[in-house]
Amino acid sequence: MHLPADGIVPYQYMVLPHPFLEETWIEAIEIAPENRRAMHHCDLAWVKLGEKWKTENFITGQVPGGDPMVMDPGTAVLIPKGSLLGLQIHYVTTGREESDRLHVALRFPRERVQKRMRHLEVADYRFAIPPGADHHPVVAARTLDVDALGIGMVVHMHLRGRDMRFTAQAPGEAARTLLLVASYDFNWQQSYRWFPQAERFARGTRIECLAHYDNSRFNPFNPDPAATVTFGLQTTSEMNYGFFFYVDADERLDLAIDPKSGRAVDR
């Protein structure tokens, strides 16, 4: 991919040229750009031929300071039969012409798969951060439809993101804090993981993400303190995403997987 020296680069959508002819299980994924300074993020999802990119098919992504997705033993991502892997890539300009090549590495399970990884995308797309606001709140929530075991969480905001708190409120119980990123840094968007089976959530638990944004002139990374800031695709706008990864606590797949192909071999 060749990039101009300045201006806005539209999102790039690419498909990896490998069709998955059968259901395939993957236990680890790494997205590695050769030119990290030019990439804002790269999201990976499964797509069906002839269909558009769907956020609900999201699997993982690569962001500044991020780490590879590595599942706990017995947990894996399912790629449905007849799918391909698609990439949504957000490049930024750096003041000089750049180029990049992306590499995607997959590892198939070595142990029997018991559970499929799932996720909630806890997001708000309708916020408006006033000019000069130094602690503007934005909140989003989703509800679990199964008894769940937590895997971990990821926070994604842009340059005005200040902090984000994940809370969980089970039916009839008080809310409790799962994670507080007290000083968010766009350049260090690492994942936050639990030990296997350390966190259990009842069906109907509300997962809420409360974020604050600093749109003041005292934020040294703020592109424009005089602007009303809304959701947008470019870094100068903002985003509000909390990713919550989990498995169904009651699921027992017990699948033996071919480590060379990722396909179940004992059905």
C-alpha atoms as a PDB file:
ATOM      1  CA  MET A   1       0.000   0.000   0.000  1.00  0.00           C
ATOM      2  CA  HIS A   2       1.421   3.389  -1.072  1.00  0.00           C
ATOM      3  CA  LEU A   3       0.387   6.444   0.975  1.00  0.00           C
ATOM      4  CA  PRO A   4       0.566  10.172   0.129  1.00  0.00           C
ATOM      5  CA  ALA A   5       2.533  12.649   2.206  1.00  0.00           C
ATOM      6  CA  ASP A   6      -0.545  14.505   3.456  1.00  0.00           C
ATOM      7  CA  GLY A   7      -4.329  14.602   3.309  1.00  0.00           C
ATOM      8  CA  ILE A   8      -6.896  12.029   4.405  1.00  0.00           C
ATOM      9  CA  VAL A   9      -6.567   8.411   3.321  1.00  0.00           C
ATOM     10  CA  PRO A  10      -9.989   6.695   2.990  1.00  0.00           C
ATOM     11  CA  TYR A  11     -10.471   3.465   4.911  1.00  0.00           C
ATOM     12  CA  GLN A  12      -9.043   0.530   2.986  1.00  0.00           C
ATOM     13  CA  TYR A  13     -10.972  -2.757   2.815  1.00  0.00           C
ATOM     14  CA  MET A  14      -9.086  -5.867   1.779  1.00  0.00           C
ATOM     15  CA  VAL A  15      -9.843  -9.581   1.744  1.00  0.00           C
ATOM     16  CA  LEU A  16      -7.239 -12.242   2.439  1.00  0.00           C
ATOM     17  CA  PRO A  17      -7.160 -14.652  -0.529  1.00  0.00           C
ATOM     18  CA  HIS A  18      -7.929 -17.808   1.426  1.00  0.00           C
ATOM     19  CA  PRO A  19     -11.517 -19.137   1.458  1.00  0.00           C
ATOM     20  CA  PHE A  20     -12.485 -21.214   4.490  1.00  0.00           C
ATOM     21  CA  LEU A  21     -14.357 -24.112   2.866  1.00  0.00           C
ATOM     22  CA  GLU A  22     -15.253 -25.648   6.258  1.00  0.00           C
ATOM     23  CA  GLU A  23     -15.819 -24.294   9.747  1.00  0.00           C
ATOM     24  CA  THR A  24     -12.368 -23.342  11.044  1.00  0.00           C
ATOM     25  CA  TRP A  25     -11.145 -22.688  14.580  1.00  0.00           C
ATOM     26  CA  ILE A  26      -8.303 -20.291  15.447  1.00  0.00           C
ATOM     27  CA  GLU A  27      -6.691 -19.849  18.865  1.00  0.00           C
ATOM     28  CA  ALA A  28      -4.250 -16.986  18.154  1.00  0.00           C
ATOM     29  CA  ILE A  29      -4.129 -14.078  15.679  1.00  0.00           C
ATOM     30  CA  GLU A  30      -1.492 -11.422  15.077  1.00  0.00           C
ATOM     31  CA  ILE A  31      -1.816  -8.463  12.685  1.00  0.00           C
ATOM     32  CA  ALA A  32       1.598  -6.954  11.967  1.00  0.00           C
ATOM     33  CA  PRO A  33       2.133  -3.847   9.802  1.00  0.00           C
ATOM     34  CA  GLU A  34       5.627  -3.186   8.476  1.00  0.00           C
ATOM     35  CA  ASN A  35       5.074   0.568   8.919  1.00  0.00           C
ATOM     36  CA  ARG A  36       3.449   1.116  12.322  1.00  0.00           C
ATOM     37  CA  ARG A  37       3.664   4.927  12.274  1.00  0.00           C
ATOM     38  CA  ALA A  38       1.327   5.123   9.270  1.00  0.00           C
ATOM     39  CA  MET A  39      -1.402   2.839  10.615  1.00  0.00           C
ATOM     40  CA  HIS A  40      -4.107   4.111  12.965  1.00  0.00           C
ATOM     41  CA  HIS A  41      -5.750   0.708  13.261  1.00  0.00           C
ATOM     42  CA  CYS A  42      -6.542  -2.495  11.403  1.00  0.00           C
ATOM     43  CA  ASP A  43      -9.661  -4.516  12.261  1.00  0.00           C
ATOM     44  CA  LEU A  44     -10.141  -8.122  11.203  1.00  0.00           C
ATOM     45  CA  ALA A  45     -13.528  -9.799  10.706  1.00  0.00           C
ATOM     46  CA  TRP A  46     -14.948 -12.746   8.809  1.00  0.00           C
ATOM     47  CA  VAL A  47     -16.965 -11.915   5.720  1.00  0.00           C
ATOM     48  CA  LYS A  48     -19.144 -13.890   3.325  1.00  0.00           C
ATOM     49  CA  LEU A  49     -18.593 -13.551  -0.417  1.00  0.00           C
ATOM     50  CA  GLY A  50     -20.842 -10.835  -1.822  1.00  0.00           C
ATOM     51  CA  GLU A  51     -21.615  -9.310   1.589  1.00  0.00           C
ATOM     52  CA  LYS A  52     -20.407  -6.032   3.066  1.00  0.00           C
ATOM     53  CA  TRP A  53     -18.169  -5.610   6.096  1.00  0.00           C
ATOM     54  CA  LYS A  54     -20.213  -6.152   9.296  1.00  0.00           C
ATOM     55  CA  THR A  55     -19.046  -4.950  12.700  1.00  0.00           C
ATOM     56  CA  GLU A  56     -20.822  -7.864  14.400  1.00  0.00           C
ATOM     57  CA  ASN A  57     -18.373 -10.227  12.632  1.00  0.00           C
ATOM     58  CA  PHE A  58     -15.398  -8.447  14.225  1.00  0.00           C
ATOM     59  CA  ILE A  59     -12.735 -10.768  15.632  1.00  0.00           C
ATOM     60  CA  THR A  60      -9.741  -8.657  16.664  1.00  0.00           C
ATOM     61  CA  GLY A  61      -7.683  -5.654  15.660  1.00  0.00           C
ATOM     62  CA  GLN A  62      -4.282  -4.011  15.804  1.00  0.00           C
ATOM     63  CA  VAL A  63      -3.932  -0.537  17.335  1.00  0.00           C
ATOM     64  CA  PRO A  64      -0.958   1.502  18.605  1.00  0.00           C
ATOM     65  CA  GLY A  65       0.525  -0.316  21.604  1.00  0.00           C
ATOM     66  CA  GLY A  66      -1.791  -3.283  21.069  1.00  0.00           C
ATOM     67  CA  ASP A  67      -0.917  -6.952  21.452  1.00  0.00           C
ATOM     68  CA  PRO A  68      -1.784 -10.149  19.553  1.00  0.00           C
ATOM     69  CA  MET A  69      -4.987 -12.005  20.409  1.00  0.00           C
ATOM     70  CA  VAL A  70      -4.074 -15.282  22.136  1.00  0.00           C
ATOM     71  CA  MET A  71      -6.905 -17.418  23.496  1.00  0.00           C
ATOM     72  CA  ASP A  72      -6.736 -19.471  26.665  1.00  0.00           C
ATOM     73  CA  PRO A  73      -6.407 -23.254  26.101  1.00  0.00           C
ATOM     74  CA  GLY A  74      -9.745 -24.717  25.031  1.00  0.00           C
ATOM     75  CA  THR A  75     -11.093 -21.409  23.667  1.00  0.00           C
ATOM     76  CA  ALA A  76     -11.023 -20.421  19.992  1.00  0.00           C
ATOM     77  CA  VAL A  77     -12.513 -18.124  17.369  1.00  0.00           C
ATOM     78  CA  LEU A  78     -14.904 -19.684  14.850  1.00  0.00           C
ATOM     79  CA  ILE A  79     -14.589 -18.786  11.166  1.00  0.00           C
ATOM     80  CA  PRO A  80     -17.867 -19.928   9.543  1.00  0.00           C
ATOM     81  CA  LYS A  81     -17.884 -22.204   6.512  1.00  0.00           C
ATOM     82  CA  GLY A  82     -17.760 -20.270   3.237  1.00  0.00           C
ATOM     83  CA  SER A  83     -16.106 -17.188   4.765  1.00  0.00           C
ATOM     84  CA  LEU A  84     -12.953 -15.187   4.162  1.00  0.00           C
ATOM     85  CA  LEU A  85     -11.037 -12.883   6.475  1.00  0.00           C
ATOM     86  CA  GLY A  86     -11.467  -9.189   5.712  1.00  0.00           C
ATOM     87  CA  LEU A  87      -9.373  -6.244   6.874  1.00  0.00           C
ATOM     88  CA  GLN A  88     -10.537  -2.700   7.572  1.00  0.00           C
ATOM     89  CA  ILE A  89      -7.398  -0.531   7.576  1.00  0.00           C
ATOM     90  CA  HIS A  90      -7.153   3.092   8.678  1.00  0.00           C
ATOM     91  CA  TYR A  91      -3.947   4.725   7.483  1.00  0.00           C
ATOM     92  CA  VAL A  92      -2.812   8.252   8.369  1.00  0.00           C
ATOM     93  CA  THR A  93      -0.400  10.561   6.583  1.00  0.00           C
ATOM     94  CA  THR A  94       2.930  11.490   8.201  1.00  0.00           C
ATOM     95  CA  GLY A  95       4.210  14.444   6.153  1.00  0.00           C
ATOM     96  CA  ARG A  96       6.109  12.257   3.712  1.00  0.00           C
ATOM     97  CA  GLU A  97       5.194   9.517   1.280  1.00  0.00           C
ATOM     98  CA  GLU A  98       4.995   6.124   2.958  1.00  0.00           C
ATOM     99  CA  SER A  99       4.291   2.512   2.105  1.00  0.00           C
ATOM    100  CA  ASP A 100       3.126  -0.463   4.123  1.00  0.00           C
ATOM    101  CA  ARG A 101       2.557  -4.187   3.865  1.00  0.00           C
ATOM    102  CA  LEU A 102       0.391  -6.048   6.373  1.00  0.00           C
ATOM    103  CA  HIS A 103       1.009  -9.559   7.662  1.00  0.00           C
ATOM    104  CA  VAL A 104      -1.667 -11.677   9.350  1.00  0.00           C
ATOM    105  CA  ALA A 105      -0.611 -14.776  11.298  1.00  0.00           C
ATOM    106  CA  LEU A 106      -3.053 -17.477  12.469  1.00  0.00           C
ATOM    107  CA  ARG A 107      -2.488 -20.390  14.846  1.00  0.00           C
ATOM    108  CA  PHE A 108      -4.866 -23.331  14.931  1.00  0.00           C
ATOM    109  CA  PRO A 109      -5.739 -25.002  18.269  1.00  0.00           C
ATOM    110  CA  ARG A 110      -3.498 -27.701  19.722  1.00  0.00           C
ATOM    111  CA  GLU A 111      -6.043 -28.780  22.344  1.00  0.00           C
ATOM    112  CA  ARG A 112      -9.714 -29.744  22.210  1.00  0.00           C
ATOM    113  CA  VAL A 113     -11.942 -26.689  21.789  1.00  0.00           C
ATOM    114  CA  GLN A 114     -14.613 -26.355  24.451  1.00  0.00           C
ATOM    115  CA  LYS A 115     -15.773 -22.768  23.966  1.00  0.00           C
ATOM    116  CA  ARG A 116     -16.141 -20.172  21.208  1.00  0.00           C
ATOM    117  CA  MET A 117     -14.944 -16.657  21.924  1.00  0.00           C
ATOM    118  CA  ARG A 118     -17.644 -13.959  21.754  1.00  0.00           C
ATOM    119  CA  HIS A 119     -17.638 -10.220  22.333  1.00  0.00           C
ATOM    120  CA  LEU A 120     -19.806  -7.224  23.116  1.00  0.00           C
ATOM    121  CA  GLU A 121     -19.058  -3.966  21.309  1.00  0.00           C
ATOM    122  CA  VAL A 122     -20.055  -1.391  23.937  1.00  0.00           C
ATOM    123  CA  ALA A 123     -20.168   1.835  21.929  1.00  0.00           C
ATOM    124  CA  ASP A 124     -21.868   5.225  21.571  1.00  0.00           C
ATOM    125  CA  TYR A 125     -22.048   6.890  18.141  1.00  0.00           C
ATOM    126  CA  ARG A 126     -24.217   9.925  18.969  1.00  0.00           C
ATOM    127  CA  PHE A 127     -22.182  11.962  21.449  1.00  0.00           C
ATOM    128  CA  ALA A 128     -21.185  15.617  21.045  1.00  0.00           C
ATOM    129  CA  ILE A 129     -18.270  16.954  23.092  1.00  0.00           C
ATOM    130  CA  PRO A 130     -18.602  20.749  23.599  1.00  0.00           C
ATOM    131  CA  PRO A 131     -15.735  23.127  22.813  1.00  0.00           C
ATOM    132  CA  GLY A 132     -13.383  23.512  25.761  1.00  0.00           C
ATOM    133  CA  ALA A 133     -14.949  20.727  27.853  1.00  0.00           C
ATOM    134  CA  ASP A 134     -12.220  19.107  29.951  1.00  0.00           C
ATOM    135  CA  HIS A 135     -14.137  16.160  31.483  1.00  0.00           C
ATOM    136  CA  HIS A 136     -17.083  15.406  29.199  1.00  0.00           C
ATOM    137  CA  PRO A 137     -18.838  12.080  29.983  1.00  0.00           C
ATOM    138  CA  VAL A 138     -19.999   9.566  27.376  1.00  0.00           C
ATOM    139  CA  VAL A 139     -21.666   6.324  28.452  1.00  0.00           C
ATOM    140  CA  ALA A 140     -22.644   3.143  26.590  1.00  0.00           C
ATOM    141  CA  ALA A 141     -23.968  -0.224  27.737  1.00  0.00           C
ATOM    142  CA  ARG A 142     -24.811  -3.732  26.506  1.00  0.00           C
ATOM    143  CA  THR A 143     -26.424  -6.728  28.196  1.00  0.00           C
ATOM    144  CA  LEU A 144     -25.168 -10.323  28.280  1.00  0.00           C
ATOM    145  CA  ASP A 145     -27.657 -12.868  26.912  1.00  0.00           C
ATOM    146  CA  VAL A 146     -25.886 -15.909  28.446  1.00  0.00           C
ATOM    147  CA  ASP A 147     -24.139 -16.858  31.671  1.00  0.00           C
ATOM    148  CA  ALA A 148     -20.625 -15.822  30.778  1.00  0.00           C
ATOM    149  CA  LEU A 149     -16.983 -16.234  31.727  1.00  0.00           C
ATOM    150  CA  GLY A 150     -14.965 -13.094  31.067  1.00  0.00           C
ATOM    151  CA  ILE A 151     -11.835 -13.131  28.910  1.00  0.00           C
ATOM    152  CA  GLY A 152     -10.856  -9.459  28.926  1.00  0.00           C
ATOM    153  CA  MET A 153     -11.433  -5.920  27.711  1.00  0.00           C
ATOM    154  CA  VAL A 154     -10.035  -3.345  25.288  1.00  0.00           C
ATOM    155  CA  VAL A 155     -10.568   0.431  25.246  1.00  0.00           C
ATOM    156  CA  HIS A 156     -10.516   2.522  22.058  1.00  0.00           C
ATOM    157  CA  MET A 157     -10.790   6.313  21.880  1.00  0.00           C
ATOM    158  CA  HIS A 158      -8.852   8.967  19.983  1.00  0.00           C
ATOM    159  CA  LEU A 159      -6.757  11.967  21.075  1.00  0.00           C
ATOM    160  CA  ARG A 160      -9.290  13.521  23.482  1.00  0.00           C
ATOM    161  CA  GLY A 161      -9.939  10.294  25.397  1.00  0.00           C
ATOM    162  CA  ARG A 162      -9.126  10.797  29.070  1.00  0.00           C
ATOM    163  CA  ASP A 163     -10.330   7.732  30.959  1.00  0.00           C
ATOM    164  CA  MET A 164     -12.784   4.820  30.761  1.00  0.00           C
ATOM    165  CA  ARG A 165     -14.393   2.656  33.430  1.00  0.00           C
ATOM    166  CA  PHE A 166     -16.002  -0.743  32.779  1.00  0.00           C
ATOM    167  CA  THR A 167     -18.696  -1.785  35.278  1.00  0.00           C
ATOM    168  CA  ALA A 168     -20.907  -4.866  35.523  1.00  0.00           C
ATOM    169  CA  GLN A 169     -24.335  -4.898  37.143  1.00  0.00           C
ATOM    170  CA  ALA A 170     -25.961  -8.311  37.551  1.00  0.00           C
ATOM    171  CA  PRO A 171     -29.747  -8.466  37.942  1.00  0.00           C
ATOM    172  CA  GLY A 172     -30.693  -7.397  41.478  1.00  0.00           C
ATOM    173  CA  GLU A 173     -27.130  -6.502  42.448  1.00  0.00           C
ATOM    174  CA  ALA A 174     -25.053  -3.343  42.762  1.00  0.00           C
ATOM    175  CA  ALA A 175     -22.689  -2.368  39.965  1.00  0.00           C
ATOM    176  CA  ARG A 176     -19.023  -3.286  40.394  1.00  0.00           C
ATOM    177  CA  THR A 177     -15.941  -1.961  38.608  1.00  0.00           C
ATOM    178  CA  LEU A 178     -14.200  -4.377  36.243  1.00  0.00           C
ATOM    179  CA  LEU A 179     -11.549  -2.039  34.851  1.00  0.00           C
ATOM    180  CA  LEU A 180     -10.502   1.590  35.231  1.00  0.00           C
ATOM    181  CA  VAL A 181      -8.129   3.022  32.630  1.00  0.00           C
ATOM    182  CA  ALA A 182      -7.459   6.185  34.606  1.00  0.00           C
ATOM    183  CA  SER A 183      -5.038   7.835  32.152  1.00  0.00           C
ATOM    184  CA  TYR A 184      -5.838   6.724  28.619  1.00  0.00           C
ATOM    185  CA  ASP A 185      -3.032   7.001  26.072  1.00  0.00           C
ATOM    186  CA  PHE A 186      -3.831   6.544  22.377  1.00  0.00           C
ATOM    187  CA  ASN A 187      -0.347   5.120  21.809  1.00  0.00           C
ATOM    188  CA  TRP A 188      -0.761   2.340  24.410  1.00  0.00           C
ATOM    189  CA  GLN A 189      -4.011   0.506  23.724  1.00  0.00           C
ATOM    190  CA  GLN A 190      -3.131  -2.853  25.243  1.00  0.00           C
ATOM    191  CA  SER A 191      -5.649  -5.514  26.208  1.00  0.00           C
ATOM    192  CA  TYR A 192      -6.652  -6.219  29.808  1.00  0.00           C
ATOM    193  CA  ARG A 193      -7.059  -9.933  30.566  1.00  0.00           C
ATOM    194  CA  TRP A 194      -8.416 -12.026  33.415  1.00  0.00           C
ATOM    195  CA  PHE A 195      -7.023 -15.358  34.512  1.00  0.00           C
ATOM    196  CA  PRO A 196      -9.065 -18.206  32.949  1.00  0.00           C
ATOM    197  CA  GLN A 197     -12.503 -18.593  34.591  1.00  0.00           C
ATOM    198  CA  ALA A 198     -11.697 -15.892  37.164  1.00  0.00           C
ATOM    199  CA  GLU A 199     -14.729 -13.720  36.342  1.00  0.00           C
ATOM    200  CA  ARG A 200     -18.270 -15.109  35.980  1.00  0.00           C
ATOM    201  CA  PHE A 201     -21.266 -13.019  34.871  1.00  0.00           C
ATOM    202  CA  ALA A 202     -24.927 -13.966  35.119  1.00  0.00           C
ATOM    203  CA  ARG A 203     -27.264 -13.763  32.140  1.00  0.00           C
ATOM    204  CA  GLY A 204     -28.784 -10.278  32.014  1.00  0.00           C
ATOM    205  CA  THR A 205     -25.674  -8.554  33.440  1.00  0.00           C
ATOM    206  CA  ARG A 206     -25.350  -4.986  32.155  1.00  0.00           C
ATOM    207  CA  ILE A 207     -21.837  -4.119  30.965  1.00  0.00           C
ATOM    208  CA  GLU A 208     -21.392  -0.349  31.014  1.00  0.00           C
ATOM    209  CA  CYS A 209     -18.510   1.822  29.807  1.00  0.00           C
ATOM    210  CA  LEU A 210     -18.228   5.381  31.121  1.00  0.00           C
ATOM    211  CA  ALA A 211     -15.601   7.500  29.356  1.00  0.00           C
ATOM    212  CA  HIS A 212     -14.466  11.097  29.785  1.00  0.00           C
ATOM    213  CA  TYR A 213     -12.985  13.331  27.096  1.00  0.00           C
ATOM    214  CA  ASP A 214     -10.715  16.375  27.355  1.00  0.00           C
ATOM    215  CA  ASN A 215     -11.537  18.858  24.593  1.00  0.00           C
ATOM    216  CA  SER A 216      -9.802  21.749  26.339  1.00  0.00           C
ATOM    217  CA  ARG A 217      -6.762  23.764  25.319  1.00  0.00           C
ATOM    218  CA  PHE A 218      -4.858  22.119  28.181  1.00  0.00           C
ATOM    219  CA  ASN A 219      -4.890  18.790  26.346  1.00  0.00           C
ATOM    220  CA  PRO A 220      -1.609  18.898  24.374  1.00  0.00           C
ATOM    221  CA  PHE A 221      -2.910  16.308  21.861  1.00  0.00           C
ATOM    222  CA  ASN A 222      -6.192  18.115  21.130  1.00  0.00           C
ATOM    223  CA  PRO A 223      -6.425  18.949  17.394  1.00  0.00           C
ATOM    224  CA  ASP A 224      -8.972  21.780  17.886  1.00  0.00           C
ATOM    225  CA  PRO A 225     -10.296  22.905  21.314  1.00  0.00           C
ATOM    226  CA  ALA A 226     -12.813  25.218  19.582  1.00  0.00           C
ATOM    227  CA  ALA A 227     -14.613  22.358  17.792  1.00  0.00           C
ATOM    228  CA  THR A 228     -17.702  20.452  18.868  1.00  0.00           C
ATOM    229  CA  VAL A 229     -16.458  16.891  18.535  1.00  0.00           C
ATOM    230  CA  THR A 230     -18.648  14.000  17.370  1.00  0.00           C
ATOM    231  CA  PHE A 231     -18.112  10.398  16.327  1.00  0.00           C
ATOM    232  CA  GLY A 232     -15.960  10.149  13.212  1.00  0.00           C
ATOM    233  CA  LEU A 233     -13.620   7.859  11.343  1.00  0.00           C
ATOM    234  CA  GLN A 234     -10.579  10.126  11.326  1.00  0.00           C
ATOM    235  CA  THR A 235      -8.223  10.665  14.250  1.00  0.00           C
ATOM    236  CA  THR A 236      -9.257  14.330  14.567  1.00  0.00           C
ATOM    237  CA  SER A 237     -12.798  13.188  15.433  1.00  0.00           C
ATOM    238  CA  GLU A 238     -13.562  10.799  18.306  1.00  0.00           C
ATOM    239  CA  MET A 239     -14.647   7.257  18.996  1.00  0.00           C
ATOM    240  CA  ASN A 240     -16.113   5.550  22.049  1.00  0.00           C
ATOM    241  CA  TYR A 241     -15.565   1.788  22.112  1.00  0.00           C
ATOM    242  CA  GLY A 242     -15.286  -0.672  24.955  1.00  0.00           C
ATOM    243  CA  PHE A 243     -14.742  -4.261  23.772  1.00  0.00           C
ATOM    244  CA  PHE A 244     -15.772  -6.990  26.223  1.00  0.00           C
ATOM    245  CA  PHE A 245     -14.652 -10.530  25.325  1.00  0.00           C
ATOM    246  CA  TYR A 246     -16.231 -13.609  26.908  1.00  0.00           C
ATOM    247  CA  VAL A 247     -17.418 -17.198  26.440  1.00  0.00           C
ATOM    248  CA  ASP A 248     -20.688 -18.942  27.238  1.00  0.00           C
ATOM    249  CA  ALA A 249     -20.117 -20.533  30.649  1.00  0.00           C
ATOM    250  CA  ASP A 250     -22.375 -23.496  29.815  1.00  0.00           C
ATOM    251  CA  GLU A 251     -20.938 -24.293  26.392  1.00  0.00           C
ATOM    252  CA  ARG A 252     -19.218 -27.685  26.018  1.00  0.00           C
ATOM    253  CA  LEU A 253     -18.134 -28.231  22.398  1.00  0.00           C
ATOM    254  CA  ASP A 254     -15.427 -30.858  23.039  1.00  0.00           C
ATOM    255  CA  LEU A 255     -14.004 -30.614  19.501  1.00  0.00           C
ATOM    256  CA  ALA A 256     -10.742 -32.212  18.437  1.00  0.00           C
ATOM    257  CA  ILE A 257      -9.086 -29.902  15.910  1.00  0.00           C
ATOM    258  CA  ASP A 258      -6.609 -30.676  13.156  1.00  0.00           C
ATOM    259  CA  PRO A 259      -3.678 -28.356  14.062  1.00  0.00           C
ATOM    260  CA  LYS A 260      -2.711 -28.058  10.389  1.00  0.00           C
ATOM    261  CA  SER A 261      -6.109 -26.859   9.107  1.00  0.00           C
ATOM    262  CA  GLY A 262      -8.142 -25.695  12.095  1.00  0.00           C
ATOM    263  CA  ARG A 263     -11.016 -28.044  11.190  1.00  0.00           C
ATOM    264  CA  ALA A 264     -12.867 -30.306  13.609  1.00  0.00           C
ATOM    265  CA  VAL A 265     -11.947 -33.955  12.992  1.00  0.00           C
ATOM    266  CA  ASP A 266     -14.287 -35.902  15.270  1.00  0.00           C
ATOM    267  CA  ARG A 267     -17.751 -34.865  14.145  1.00  0.00           C
END
